[in-house]
């Protein structure tokens, strides 16, 4: 048990260490170019179009679960 506690303490100490932030000095234009490249990765992907079309169709057809109305319950 003691070994487990030491191992866990070591893991937690590693988590608490600050994460070094990258030192990139980018201009506004370079930042925009990186963002456009990232967002462009999802363009023209038929698989995604099909997936979202199916989600949209299911969203419109799902009526939720049926609930018993208080008016329809037997108070017997």
C-alpha atoms as a PDB file:
ATOM      1  CA  UNK A   1       0.000   0.000   0.000  1.00  0.00           C
ATOM      2  CA  UNK A   2       2.825   2.386   0.815  1.00  0.00           C
ATOM      3  CA  UNK A   3       4.376   1.873  -2.621  1.00  0.00           C
ATOM      4  CA  UNK A   4       1.042   2.709  -4.240  1.00  0.00           C
ATOM      5  CA  UNK A   5       0.768   5.937  -2.222  1.00  0.00           C
ATOM      6  CA  UNK A   6       4.284   6.975  -3.190  1.00  0.00           C
ATOM      7  CA  UNK A   7       3.570   6.275  -6.841  1.00  0.00           C
ATOM      8  CA  UNK A   8       0.323   8.264  -6.686  1.00  0.00           C
ATOM      9  CA  UNK A   9       2.050  11.171  -4.925  1.00  0.00           C
ATOM     10  CA  UNK A  10       4.704  11.198  -7.639  1.00  0.00           C
ATOM     11  CA  UNK A  11       1.989  11.293 -10.324  1.00  0.00           C
ATOM     12  CA  UNK A  12       0.257  14.209  -8.623  1.00  0.00           C
ATOM     13  CA  UNK A  13       3.495  16.127  -8.288  1.00  0.00           C
ATOM     14  CA  UNK A  14       4.054  15.771 -12.017  1.00  0.00           C
ATOM     15  CA  UNK A  15       0.560  17.101 -12.722  1.00  0.00           C
ATOM     16  CA  UNK A  16       1.158  20.204 -10.635  1.00  0.00           C
ATOM     17  CA  UNK A  17       4.212  21.250 -12.622  1.00  0.00           C
ATOM     18  CA  UNK A  18       3.467  24.236 -14.841  1.00  0.00           C
ATOM     19  CA  UNK A  19       3.187  23.517 -18.521  1.00  0.00           C
ATOM     20  CA  UNK A  20       5.673  25.484 -20.561  1.00  0.00           C
ATOM     21  CA  UNK A  21       3.946  27.673 -23.098  1.00  0.00           C
ATOM     22  CA  UNK A  22       5.377  27.844 -26.600  1.00  0.00           C
ATOM     23  CA  UNK A  23       7.080  31.108 -27.384  1.00  0.00           C
ATOM     24  CA  UNK A  24       5.760  31.840 -30.843  1.00  0.00           C
ATOM     25  CA  UNK A  25       5.917  35.425 -31.941  1.00  0.00           C
ATOM     26  CA  UNK A  26       3.351  35.441 -34.732  1.00  0.00           C
ATOM     27  CA  UNK A  27       1.952  38.424 -36.511  1.00  0.00           C
ATOM     28  CA  UNK A  28      -1.799  38.835 -36.829  1.00  0.00           C
ATOM     29  CA  UNK A  29      -1.559  37.699 -40.449  1.00  0.00           C
ATOM     30  CA  UNK A  30       0.366  34.555 -39.499  1.00  0.00           C
ATOM     31  CA  UNK A  31      -2.158  33.740 -36.778  1.00  0.00           C
ATOM     32  CA  UNK A  32      -5.025  34.183 -39.231  1.00  0.00           C
ATOM     33  CA  UNK A  33      -3.270  31.982 -41.793  1.00  0.00           C
ATOM     34  CA  UNK A  34      -2.831  29.219 -39.186  1.00  0.00           C
ATOM     35  CA  UNK A  35      -6.496  29.449 -38.193  1.00  0.00           C
ATOM     36  CA  UNK A  36      -7.660  29.353 -41.813  1.00  0.00           C
ATOM     37  CA  UNK A  37      -5.487  26.300 -42.429  1.00  0.00           C
ATOM     38  CA  UNK A  38      -6.944  24.577 -39.371  1.00  0.00           C
ATOM     39  CA  UNK A  39     -10.561  25.380 -40.213  1.00  0.00           C
ATOM     40  CA  UNK A  40     -10.013  24.456 -43.843  1.00  0.00           C
ATOM     41  CA  UNK A  41      -9.161  20.912 -42.784  1.00  0.00           C
ATOM     42  CA  UNK A  42     -12.882  20.171 -42.501  1.00  0.00           C
ATOM     43  CA  UNK A  43     -13.804  21.486 -45.946  1.00  0.00           C
ATOM     44  CA  UNK A  44     -15.099  19.215 -48.671  1.00  0.00           C
ATOM     45  CA  UNK A  45     -15.364  16.041 -46.623  1.00  0.00           C
ATOM     46  CA  UNK A  46     -18.357  14.031 -47.859  1.00  0.00           C
ATOM     47  CA  UNK A  47     -18.210  11.764 -44.813  1.00  0.00           C
ATOM     48  CA  UNK A  48     -18.825  14.708 -42.507  1.00  0.00           C
ATOM     49  CA  UNK A  49     -21.626  15.994 -44.708  1.00  0.00           C
ATOM     50  CA  UNK A  50     -23.339  12.598 -44.563  1.00  0.00           C
ATOM     51  CA  UNK A  51     -22.861  12.306 -40.807  1.00  0.00           C
ATOM     52  CA  UNK A  52     -24.326  15.734 -40.102  1.00  0.00           C
ATOM     53  CA  UNK A  53     -27.211  15.138 -42.515  1.00  0.00           C
ATOM     54  CA  UNK A  54     -28.079  11.945 -40.633  1.00  0.00           C
ATOM     55  CA  UNK A  55     -27.853  13.727 -37.276  1.00  0.00           C
ATOM     56  CA  UNK A  56     -30.096  16.494 -38.577  1.00  0.00           C
ATOM     57  CA  UNK A  57     -32.636  13.966 -39.848  1.00  0.00           C
ATOM     58  CA  UNK A  58     -32.688  12.076 -36.546  1.00  0.00           C
ATOM     59  CA  UNK A  59     -32.984  15.303 -34.597  1.00  0.00           C
ATOM     60  CA  UNK A  60     -36.146  16.223 -36.464  1.00  0.00           C
ATOM     61  CA  UNK A  61     -37.760  12.779 -36.251  1.00  0.00           C
ATOM     62  CA  UNK A  62     -37.088  12.036 -32.571  1.00  0.00           C
ATOM     63  CA  UNK A  63     -40.133  12.947 -30.506  1.00  0.00           C
ATOM     64  CA  UNK A  64     -38.676  12.117 -27.121  1.00  0.00           C
ATOM     65  CA  UNK A  65     -39.902   9.555 -24.675  1.00  0.00           C
ATOM     66  CA  UNK A  66     -43.572   9.282 -23.869  1.00  0.00           C
ATOM     67  CA  UNK A  67     -44.705  10.578 -20.513  1.00  0.00           C
ATOM     68  CA  UNK A  68     -47.894   9.731 -18.734  1.00  0.00           C
ATOM     69  CA  UNK A  69     -49.909  12.872 -18.306  1.00  0.00           C
ATOM     70  CA  UNK A  70     -51.378  13.550 -14.883  1.00  0.00           C
ATOM     71  CA  UNK A  71     -54.776  13.686 -16.592  1.00  0.00           C
ATOM     72  CA  UNK A  72     -54.307  10.164 -18.015  1.00  0.00           C
ATOM     73  CA  UNK A  73     -53.151   8.469 -14.812  1.00  0.00           C
ATOM     74  CA  UNK A  74     -55.478   6.182 -12.947  1.00  0.00           C
ATOM     75  CA  UNK A  75     -55.970   7.608  -9.474  1.00  0.00           C
ATOM     76  CA  UNK A  76     -57.478   4.353  -8.244  1.00  0.00           C
END
